[in-house]
Amino acid sequence: APAKATTKEIREWAIGEGRKVSFRGRISAAIVRA
């Protein structure tokens, strides 16, 4: 996909990795960095 990932893609990845992330709102910089 284009270089800029969507919030949805990052959230789905984080959930799949077992990381704690809310289902709505901002995603922490640490999650985006990971």
Full PDB file with SEQRES, HELIX, SHEET, SSBOND, CRYST1, ORIGX, SCALE, CONECT and MASTER records, all heavy atoms in Angstrom:
SEQRES   1 A   34  ALA PRO ALA LYS ALA THR THR LYS GLU ILE ARG GLU TRP          
SEQRES   2 A   34  ALA ILE GLY GLU GLY ARG LYS VAL SER PHE ARG GLY ARG          
SEQRES   3 A   34  ILE SER ALA ALA ILE VAL ARG ALA                              
HELIX    1 AA1 THR A    7  GLY A   16  1                                  10    
HELIX    2 AA2 ALA A   29  ARG A   33  1                                   5    
CRYST1    1.000    1.000    1.000  90.00  90.00  90.00 P 1           1          
ORIGX1      1.000000  0.000000  0.000000        0.00000                         
ORIGX2      0.000000  1.000000  0.000000        0.00000                         
ORIGX3      0.000000  0.000000  1.000000        0.00000                         
SCALE1      1.000000  0.000000  0.000000        0.00000                         
SCALE2      0.000000  1.000000  0.000000        0.00000                         
SCALE3      0.000000  0.000000  1.000000        0.00000                         
ATOM      1  N   ALA A   1       0.852  -1.179   0.000  1.00  0.00           N  
ATOM      2  CA  ALA A   1       0.000   0.000   0.000  1.00  0.00           C  
ATOM      3  C   ALA A   1       0.894   1.237   0.000  1.00  0.00           C  
ATOM      4  O   ALA A   1       2.103   1.134   0.138  1.00  0.00           O  
ATOM      5  CB  ALA A   1      -0.894  -0.014   1.244  1.00  0.00           C  
ATOM      6  N   PRO A   2       0.304   2.410  -0.146  1.00  0.00           N  
ATOM      7  CA  PRO A   2       1.105   3.624  -0.072  1.00  0.00           C  
ATOM      8  C   PRO A   2       1.892   3.676   1.242  1.00  0.00           C  
ATOM      9  O   PRO A   2       1.531   3.031   2.222  1.00  0.00           O  
ATOM     10  CB  PRO A   2       0.062   4.737  -0.121  1.00  0.00           C  
ATOM     11  CG  PRO A   2      -1.121   4.128  -0.771  1.00  0.00           C  
ATOM     12  CD  PRO A   2      -1.090   2.673  -0.378  1.00  0.00           C  
ATOM     13  N   ALA A   3       2.948   4.449   1.257  1.00  0.00           N  
ATOM     14  CA  ALA A   3       3.840   4.498   2.415  1.00  0.00           C  
ATOM     15  C   ALA A   3       3.136   4.913   3.701  1.00  0.00           C  
ATOM     16  O   ALA A   3       3.511   4.467   4.772  1.00  0.00           O  
ATOM     17  CB  ALA A   3       4.994   5.456   2.136  1.00  0.00           C  
ATOM     18  N   LYS A   4       2.106   5.743   3.619  1.00  0.00           N  
ATOM     19  CA  LYS A   4       1.413   6.191   4.821  1.00  0.00           C  
ATOM     20  C   LYS A   4       0.346   5.173   5.205  1.00  0.00           C  
ATOM     21  O   LYS A   4      -0.594   4.935   4.474  1.00  0.00           O  
ATOM     22  CB  LYS A   4       0.761   7.552   4.577  1.00  0.00           C  
ATOM     23  CG  LYS A   4      -0.021   8.047   5.766  1.00  0.00           C  
ATOM     24  CD  LYS A   4       0.238   9.496   5.993  1.00  0.00           C  
ATOM     25  CE  LYS A   4      -0.624  10.042   7.097  1.00  0.00           C  
ATOM     26  NZ  LYS A   4      -0.212   9.640   8.406  1.00  0.00           N  
ATOM     27  N   ALA A   5       0.535   4.573   6.357  1.00  0.00           N  
ATOM     28  CA  ALA A   5      -0.423   3.578   6.843  1.00  0.00           C  
ATOM     29  C   ALA A   5      -1.621   4.289   7.459  1.00  0.00           C  
ATOM     30  O   ALA A   5      -1.483   5.357   8.054  1.00  0.00           O  
ATOM     31  CB  ALA A   5       0.237   2.691   7.880  1.00  0.00           C  
ATOM     32  N   THR A   6      -2.773   3.683   7.332  1.00  0.00           N  
ATOM     33  CA  THR A   6      -3.965   4.259   7.934  1.00  0.00           C  
ATOM     34  C   THR A   6      -4.039   3.863   9.398  1.00  0.00           C  
ATOM     35  O   THR A   6      -3.411   2.892   9.835  1.00  0.00           O  
ATOM     36  CB  THR A   6      -5.238   3.764   7.221  1.00  0.00           C  
ATOM     37  OG1 THR A   6      -5.362   2.360   7.443  1.00  0.00           O  
ATOM     38  CG2 THR A   6      -5.208   4.066   5.733  1.00  0.00           C  
ATOM     39  N   THR A   7      -4.822   4.620  10.129  1.00  0.00           N  
ATOM     40  CA  THR A   7      -5.034   4.313  11.541  1.00  0.00           C  
ATOM     41  C   THR A   7      -5.623   2.917  11.680  1.00  0.00           C  
ATOM     42  O   THR A   7      -5.237   2.160  12.575  1.00  0.00           O  
ATOM     43  CB  THR A   7      -5.985   5.354  12.164  1.00  0.00           C  
ATOM     44  OG1 THR A   7      -5.404   6.645  11.993  1.00  0.00           O  
ATOM     45  CG2 THR A   7      -6.230   5.090  13.621  1.00  0.00           C  
ATOM     46  N   LYS A   8      -6.518   2.555  10.779  1.00  0.00           N  
ATOM     47  CA  LYS A   8      -7.141   1.231  10.825  1.00  0.00           C  
ATOM     48  C   LYS A   8      -6.093   0.133  10.670  1.00  0.00           C  
ATOM     49  O   LYS A   8      -6.106  -0.852  11.408  1.00  0.00           O  
ATOM     50  CB  LYS A   8      -8.192   1.121   9.718  1.00  0.00           C  
ATOM     51  CG  LYS A   8      -8.889  -0.217   9.687  1.00  0.00           C  
ATOM     52  CD  LYS A   8      -9.882  -0.293   8.547  1.00  0.00           C  
ATOM     53  CE  LYS A   8     -10.479  -1.677   8.483  1.00  0.00           C  
ATOM     54  NZ  LYS A   8     -11.310  -1.877   7.314  1.00  0.00           N  
ATOM     55  N   GLU A   9      -5.179   0.295   9.722  1.00  0.00           N  
ATOM     56  CA  GLU A   9      -4.139  -0.721   9.507  1.00  0.00           C  
ATOM     57  C   GLU A   9      -3.247  -0.870  10.739  1.00  0.00           C  
ATOM     58  O   GLU A   9      -2.928  -1.985  11.144  1.00  0.00           O  
ATOM     59  CB  GLU A   9      -3.268  -0.343   8.314  1.00  0.00           C  
ATOM     60  CG  GLU A   9      -3.959  -0.490   6.983  1.00  0.00           C  
ATOM     61  CD  GLU A   9      -3.121   0.046   5.855  1.00  0.00           C  
ATOM     62  OE1 GLU A   9      -2.532   1.124   5.979  1.00  0.00           O  
ATOM     63  OE2 GLU A   9      -3.062  -0.657   4.824  1.00  0.00           O  
ATOM     64  N   ILE A  10      -2.864   0.254  11.314  1.00  0.00           N  
ATOM     65  CA  ILE A  10      -1.994   0.210  12.489  1.00  0.00           C  
ATOM     66  C   ILE A  10      -2.722  -0.428  13.657  1.00  0.00           C  
ATOM     67  O   ILE A  10      -2.171  -1.271  14.367  1.00  0.00           O  
ATOM     68  CB  ILE A  10      -1.493   1.619  12.852  1.00  0.00           C  
ATOM     69  CG1 ILE A  10      -0.611   2.153  11.717  1.00  0.00           C  
ATOM     70  CG2 ILE A  10      -0.728   1.606  14.175  1.00  0.00           C  
ATOM     71  CD1 ILE A  10      -0.217   3.602  11.859  1.00  0.00           C  
ATOM     72  N   ARG A  11      -4.001  -0.057  13.851  1.00  0.00           N  
ATOM     73  CA  ARG A  11      -4.779  -0.622  14.955  1.00  0.00           C  
ATOM     74  C   ARG A  11      -4.947  -2.129  14.780  1.00  0.00           C  
ATOM     75  O   ARG A  11      -4.777  -2.896  15.725  1.00  0.00           O  
ATOM     76  CB  ARG A  11      -6.143   0.076  15.034  1.00  0.00           C  
ATOM     77  CG  ARG A  11      -6.990  -0.388  16.199  1.00  0.00           C  
ATOM     78  CD  ARG A  11      -8.235   0.465  16.384  1.00  0.00           C  
ATOM     79  NE  ARG A  11      -7.867   1.683  17.078  1.00  0.00           N  
ATOM     80  CZ  ARG A  11      -7.930   2.911  16.558  1.00  0.00           C  
ATOM     81  NH1 ARG A  11      -8.377   3.099  15.352  1.00  0.00           N  
ATOM     82  NH2 ARG A  11      -7.562   3.964  17.250  1.00  0.00           N  
ATOM     83  N   GLU A  12      -5.254  -2.582  13.570  1.00  0.00           N  
ATOM     84  CA  GLU A  12      -5.406  -4.016  13.315  1.00  0.00           C  
ATOM     85  C   GLU A  12      -4.096  -4.757  13.558  1.00  0.00           C  
ATOM     86  O   GLU A  12      -4.084  -5.845  14.129  1.00  0.00           O  
ATOM     87  CB  GLU A  12      -5.893  -4.251  11.884  1.00  0.00           C  
ATOM     88  CG  GLU A  12      -7.344  -3.867  11.677  1.00  0.00           C  
ATOM     89  CD  GLU A  12      -7.783  -3.976  10.226  1.00  0.00           C  
ATOM     90  OE1 GLU A  12      -6.923  -4.184   9.331  1.00  0.00           O  
ATOM     91  OE2 GLU A  12      -8.983  -3.831   9.980  1.00  0.00           O  
ATOM     92  N   TRP A  13      -2.984  -4.173  13.140  1.00  0.00           N  
ATOM     93  CA  TRP A  13      -1.685  -4.791  13.376  1.00  0.00           C  
ATOM     94  C   TRP A  13      -1.419  -4.903  14.874  1.00  0.00           C  
ATOM     95  O   TRP A  13      -0.999  -5.953  15.355  1.00  0.00           O  
ATOM     96  CB  TRP A  13      -0.579  -3.962  12.696  1.00  0.00           C  
ATOM     97  CG  TRP A  13       0.781  -4.424  13.067  1.00  0.00           C  
ATOM     98  CD1 TRP A  13       1.482  -5.443  12.492  1.00  0.00           C  
ATOM     99  CD2 TRP A  13       1.594  -3.928  14.137  1.00  0.00           C  
ATOM    100  NE1 TRP A  13       2.690  -5.588  13.138  1.00  0.00           N  
ATOM    101  CE2 TRP A  13       2.784  -4.675  14.143  1.00  0.00           C  
ATOM    102  CE3 TRP A  13       1.435  -2.921  15.073  1.00  0.00           C  
ATOM    103  CZ2 TRP A  13       3.798  -4.441  15.066  1.00  0.00           C  
ATOM    104  CZ3 TRP A  13       2.441  -2.681  15.986  1.00  0.00           C  
ATOM    105  CH2 TRP A  13       3.611  -3.434  15.974  1.00  0.00           C  
ATOM    106  N   ALA A  14      -1.666  -3.815  15.604  1.00  0.00           N  
ATOM    107  CA  ALA A  14      -1.409  -3.790  17.047  1.00  0.00           C  
ATOM    108  C   ALA A  14      -2.240  -4.849  17.772  1.00  0.00           C  
ATOM    109  O   ALA A  14      -1.733  -5.569  18.634  1.00  0.00           O  
ATOM    110  CB  ALA A  14      -1.690  -2.410  17.618  1.00  0.00           C  
ATOM    111  N   ILE A  15      -3.505  -4.962  17.418  1.00  0.00           N  
ATOM    112  CA  ILE A  15      -4.379  -5.962  18.040  1.00  0.00           C  
ATOM    113  C   ILE A  15      -3.866  -7.363  17.714  1.00  0.00           C  
ATOM    114  O   ILE A  15      -3.799  -8.227  18.584  1.00  0.00           O  
ATOM    115  CB  ILE A  15      -5.841  -5.768  17.590  1.00  0.00           C  
ATOM    116  CG1 ILE A  15      -6.394  -4.457  18.183  1.00  0.00           C  
ATOM    117  CG2 ILE A  15      -6.710  -6.956  17.994  1.00  0.00           C  
ATOM    118  CD1 ILE A  15      -7.717  -4.015  17.589  1.00  0.00           C  
ATOM    119  N   GLY A  16      -3.480  -7.585  16.466  1.00  0.00           N  
ATOM    120  CA  GLY A  16      -2.942  -8.880  16.059  1.00  0.00           C  
ATOM    121  C   GLY A  16      -1.651  -9.239  16.782  1.00  0.00           C  
ATOM    122  O   GLY A  16      -1.355 -10.407  17.011  1.00  0.00           O  
ATOM    123  N   GLU A  17      -0.880  -8.235  17.160  1.00  0.00           N  
ATOM    124  CA  GLU A  17       0.368  -8.442  17.889  1.00  0.00           C  
ATOM    125  C   GLU A  17       0.143  -8.575  19.391  1.00  0.00           C  
ATOM    126  O   GLU A  17       1.080  -8.791  20.139  1.00  0.00           O  
ATOM    127  CB  GLU A  17       1.322  -7.266  17.638  1.00  0.00           C  
ATOM    128  CG  GLU A  17       1.894  -7.233  16.247  1.00  0.00           C  
ATOM    129  CD  GLU A  17       2.888  -8.341  16.008  1.00  0.00           C  
ATOM    130  OE1 GLU A  17       3.809  -8.507  16.820  1.00  0.00           O  
ATOM    131  OE2 GLU A  17       2.746  -9.053  15.003  1.00  0.00           O  
ATOM    132  N   GLY A  18      -1.100  -8.410  19.819  1.00  0.00           N  
ATOM    133  CA  GLY A  18      -1.404  -8.522  21.244  1.00  0.00           C  
ATOM    134  C   GLY A  18      -1.095  -7.269  22.039  1.00  0.00           C  
ATOM    135  O   GLY A  18      -1.015  -7.306  23.262  1.00  0.00           O  
ATOM    136  N   ARG A  19      -0.928  -6.162  21.361  1.00  0.00           N  
ATOM    137  CA  ARG A  19      -0.653  -4.898  22.052  1.00  0.00           C  
ATOM    138  C   ARG A  19      -1.958  -4.260  22.495  1.00  0.00           C  
ATOM    139  O   ARG A  19      -2.992  -4.444  21.863  1.00  0.00           O  
ATOM    140  CB  ARG A  19       0.111  -3.946  21.141  1.00  0.00           C  
ATOM    141  CG  ARG A  19       1.470  -4.489  20.754  1.00  0.00           C  
ATOM    142  CD  ARG A  19       2.150  -3.562  19.784  1.00  0.00           C  
ATOM    143  NE  ARG A  19       3.420  -4.082  19.362  1.00  0.00           N  
ATOM    144  CZ  ARG A  19       4.586  -3.711  19.898  1.00  0.00           C  
ATOM    145  NH1 ARG A  19       4.607  -2.816  20.851  1.00  0.00           N  
ATOM    146  NH2 ARG A  19       5.707  -4.230  19.457  1.00  0.00           N  
ATOM    147  N   LYS A  20      -1.882  -3.506  23.581  1.00  0.00           N  
ATOM    148  CA  LYS A  20      -3.077  -2.833  24.087  1.00  0.00           C  
ATOM    149  C   LYS A  20      -3.288  -1.545  23.306  1.00  0.00           C  
ATOM    150  O   LYS A  20      -2.433  -0.659  23.301  1.00  0.00           O  
ATOM    151  CB  LYS A  20      -2.932  -2.529  25.575  1.00  0.00           C  
ATOM    152  CG  LYS A  20      -2.962  -3.765  26.421  1.00  0.00           C  
ATOM    153  CD  LYS A  20      -2.983  -3.423  27.871  1.00  0.00           C  
ATOM    154  CE  LYS A  20      -3.063  -4.717  28.684  1.00  0.00           C  
ATOM    155  NZ  LYS A  20      -3.219  -4.451  30.099  1.00  0.00           N  
ATOM    156  N   VAL A  21      -4.417  -1.473  22.641  1.00  0.00           N  
ATOM    157  CA  VAL A  21      -4.769  -0.293  21.858  1.00  0.00           C  
ATOM    158  C   VAL A  21      -6.285  -0.136  21.906  1.00  0.00           C  
ATOM    159  O   VAL A  21      -7.018  -1.120  21.876  1.00  0.00           O  
ATOM    160  CB  VAL A  21      -4.241  -0.412  20.406  1.00  0.00           C  
ATOM    161  CG1 VAL A  21      -4.863  -1.568  19.677  1.00  0.00           C  
ATOM    162  CG2 VAL A  21      -4.440   0.860  19.631  1.00  0.00           C  
ATOM    163  N   SER A  22      -6.737   1.107  22.010  1.00  0.00           N  
ATOM    164  CA  SER A  22      -8.176   1.340  22.075  1.00  0.00           C  
ATOM    165  C   SER A  22      -8.804   1.095  20.704  1.00  0.00           C  
ATOM    166  O   SER A  22      -8.128   1.137  19.678  1.00  0.00           O  
ATOM    167  CB  SER A  22      -8.467   2.770  22.535  1.00  0.00           C  
ATOM    168  OG  SER A  22      -8.016   3.686  21.558  1.00  0.00           O  
ATOM    169  N   PHE A  23     -10.088   0.851  20.695  1.00  0.00           N  
ATOM    170  CA  PHE A  23     -10.794   0.613  19.441  1.00  0.00           C  
ATOM    171  C   PHE A  23     -11.172   1.916  18.743  1.00  0.00           C  
ATOM    172  O   PHE A  23     -11.597   1.903  17.603  1.00  0.00           O  
ATOM    173  CB  PHE A  23     -12.053  -0.229  19.685  1.00  0.00           C  
ATOM    174  CG  PHE A  23     -11.715  -1.629  20.086  1.00  0.00           C  
ATOM    175  CD1 PHE A  23     -11.836  -2.048  21.397  1.00  0.00           C  
ATOM    176  CD2 PHE A  23     -11.250  -2.544  19.153  1.00  0.00           C  
ATOM    177  CE1 PHE A  23     -11.516  -3.336  21.771  1.00  0.00           C  
ATOM    178  CE2 PHE A  23     -10.931  -3.839  19.517  1.00  0.00           C  
ATOM    179  CZ  PHE A  23     -11.061  -4.233  20.830  1.00  0.00           C  
ATOM    180  N   ARG A  24     -10.998   3.039  19.443  1.00  0.00           N  
ATOM    181  CA  ARG A  24     -11.303   4.354  18.884  1.00  0.00           C  
ATOM    182  C   ARG A  24     -10.254   5.347  19.353  1.00  0.00           C  
ATOM    183  O   ARG A  24      -9.562   5.120  20.323  1.00  0.00           O  
ATOM    184  CB  ARG A  24     -12.673   4.822  19.359  1.00  0.00           C  
ATOM    185  CG  ARG A  24     -13.807   3.952  18.868  1.00  0.00           C  
ATOM    186  CD  ARG A  24     -15.126   4.456  19.351  1.00  0.00           C  
ATOM    187  NE  ARG A  24     -15.297   5.859  18.962  1.00  0.00           N  
ATOM    188  CZ  ARG A  24     -16.324   6.603  19.271  1.00  0.00           C  
ATOM    189  NH1 ARG A  24     -17.283   6.100  19.991  1.00  0.00           N  
ATOM    190  NH2 ARG A  24     -16.411   7.845  18.888  1.00  0.00           N  
ATOM    191  N   GLY A  25     -10.175   6.457  18.660  1.00  0.00           N  
ATOM    192  CA  GLY A  25      -9.294   7.539  19.090  1.00  0.00           C  
ATOM    193  C   GLY A  25      -7.874   7.407  18.580  1.00  0.00           C  
ATOM    194  O   GLY A  25      -7.575   6.598  17.711  1.00  0.00           O  
ATOM    195  N   ARG A  26      -7.017   8.243  19.145  1.00  0.00           N  
ATOM    196  CA  ARG A  26      -5.617   8.285  18.731  1.00  0.00           C  
ATOM    197  C   ARG A  26      -4.876   7.015  19.105  1.00  0.00           C  
ATOM    198  O   ARG A  26      -5.156   6.391  20.107  1.00  0.00           O  
ATOM    199  CB  ARG A  26      -4.914   9.461  19.395  1.00  0.00           C  
ATOM    200  CG  ARG A  26      -5.201  10.770  18.735  1.00  0.00           C  
ATOM    201  CD  ARG A  26      -4.338  11.832  19.352  1.00  0.00           C  
ATOM    202  NE  ARG A  26      -2.975  11.703  18.861  1.00  0.00           N  
ATOM    203  CZ  ARG A  26      -2.290  12.686  18.321  1.00  0.00           C  
ATOM    204  NH1 ARG A  26      -2.825  13.871  18.233  1.00  0.00           N  
ATOM    205  NH2 ARG A  26      -1.065  12.506  17.904  1.00  0.00           N  
ATOM    206  N   ILE A  27      -3.899   6.705  18.291  1.00  0.00           N  
ATOM    207  CA  ILE A  27      -3.002   5.589  18.575  1.00  0.00           C  
ATOM    208  C   ILE A  27      -1.716   6.201  19.104  1.00  0.00           C  
ATOM    209  O   ILE A  27      -1.206   7.177  18.542  1.00  0.00           O  
ATOM    210  CB  ILE A  27      -2.733   4.766  17.302  1.00  0.00           C  
ATOM    211  CG1 ILE A  27      -4.037   4.158  16.804  1.00  0.00           C  
ATOM    212  CG2 ILE A  27      -1.687   3.701  17.547  1.00  0.00           C  
ATOM    213  CD1 ILE A  27      -3.928   3.442  15.490  1.00  0.00           C  
ATOM    214  N   SER A  28      -1.180   5.630  20.163  1.00  0.00           N  
ATOM    215  CA  SER A  28       0.028   6.194  20.777  1.00  0.00           C  
ATOM    216  C   SER A  28       1.194   6.178  19.803  1.00  0.00           C  
ATOM    217  O   SER A  28       1.285   5.329  18.918  1.00  0.00           O  
ATOM    218  CB  SER A  28       0.388   5.428  22.047  1.00  0.00           C  
ATOM    219  OG  SER A  28       0.928   4.173  21.716  1.00  0.00           O  
ATOM    220  N   ALA A  29       2.100   7.113  20.012  1.00  0.00           N  
ATOM    221  CA  ALA A  29       3.288   7.205  19.169  1.00  0.00           C  
ATOM    222  C   ALA A  29       4.127   5.934  19.262  1.00  0.00           C  
ATOM    223  O   ALA A  29       4.747   5.517  18.274  1.00  0.00           O  
ATOM    224  CB  ALA A  29       4.115   8.424  19.569  1.00  0.00           C  
ATOM    225  N   ALA A  30       4.146   5.300  20.433  1.00  0.00           N  
ATOM    226  CA  ALA A  30       4.913   4.069  20.611  1.00  0.00           C  
ATOM    227  C   ALA A  30       4.375   2.946  19.720  1.00  0.00           C  
ATOM    228  O   ALA A  30       5.149   2.178  19.141  1.00  0.00           O  
ATOM    229  CB  ALA A  30       4.892   3.639  22.070  1.00  0.00           C  
ATOM    230  N   ILE A  31       3.058   2.853  19.600  1.00  0.00           N  
ATOM    231  CA  ILE A  31       2.445   1.824  18.744  1.00  0.00           C  
ATOM    232  C   ILE A  31       2.759   2.116  17.280  1.00  0.00           C  
ATOM    233  O   ILE A  31       3.118   1.217  16.517  1.00  0.00           O  
ATOM    234  CB  ILE A  31       0.915   1.748  18.975  1.00  0.00           C  
ATOM    235  CG1 ILE A  31       0.605   1.317  20.402  1.00  0.00           C  
ATOM    236  CG2 ILE A  31       0.249   0.839  17.947  1.00  0.00           C  
ATOM    237  CD1 ILE A  31       0.916  -0.123  20.718  1.00  0.00           C  
ATOM    238  N   VAL A  32       2.630   3.372  16.876  1.00  0.00           N  
ATOM    239  CA  VAL A  32       2.924   3.745  15.486  1.00  0.00           C  
ATOM    240  C   VAL A  32       4.391   3.453  15.169  1.00  0.00           C  
ATOM    241  O   VAL A  32       4.708   2.893  14.118  1.00  0.00           O  
ATOM    242  CB  VAL A  32       2.588   5.236  15.238  1.00  0.00           C  
ATOM    243  CG1 VAL A  32       3.028   5.669  13.843  1.00  0.00           C  
ATOM    244  CG2 VAL A  32       1.104   5.488  15.421  1.00  0.00           C  
ATOM    245  N   ARG A  33       5.283   3.777  16.084  1.00  0.00           N  
ATOM    246  CA  ARG A  33       6.710   3.521  15.900  1.00  0.00           C  
ATOM    247  C   ARG A  33       6.976   2.026  15.777  1.00  0.00           C  
ATOM    248  O   ARG A  33       7.733   1.589  14.906  1.00  0.00           O  
ATOM    249  CB  ARG A  33       7.499   4.100  17.074  1.00  0.00           C  
ATOM    250  CG  ARG A  33       8.982   4.166  16.845  1.00  0.00           C  
ATOM    251  CD  ARG A  33       9.725   4.875  17.975  1.00  0.00           C  
ATOM    252  NE  ARG A  33       9.088   6.102  18.410  1.00  0.00           N  
ATOM    253  CZ  ARG A  33       8.512   6.285  19.616  1.00  0.00           C  
ATOM    254  NH1 ARG A  33       8.495   5.316  20.496  1.00  0.00           N  
ATOM    255  NH2 ARG A  33       7.962   7.431  19.937  1.00  0.00           N  
ATOM    256  N   ALA A  34       6.331   1.225  16.620  1.00  0.00           N  
ATOM    257  CA  ALA A  34       6.506  -0.226  16.566  1.00  0.00           C  
ATOM    258  C   ALA A  34       6.000  -0.784  15.236  1.00  0.00           C  
ATOM    259  O   ALA A  34       6.614  -1.691  14.658  1.00  0.00           O  
ATOM    260  CB  ALA A  34       5.780  -0.890  17.733  1.00  0.00           C  
TER     261      ALA A  34                                                      
MASTER        0    0    0    2    0    0    0    6  260    1    0    3          
END                                                                             
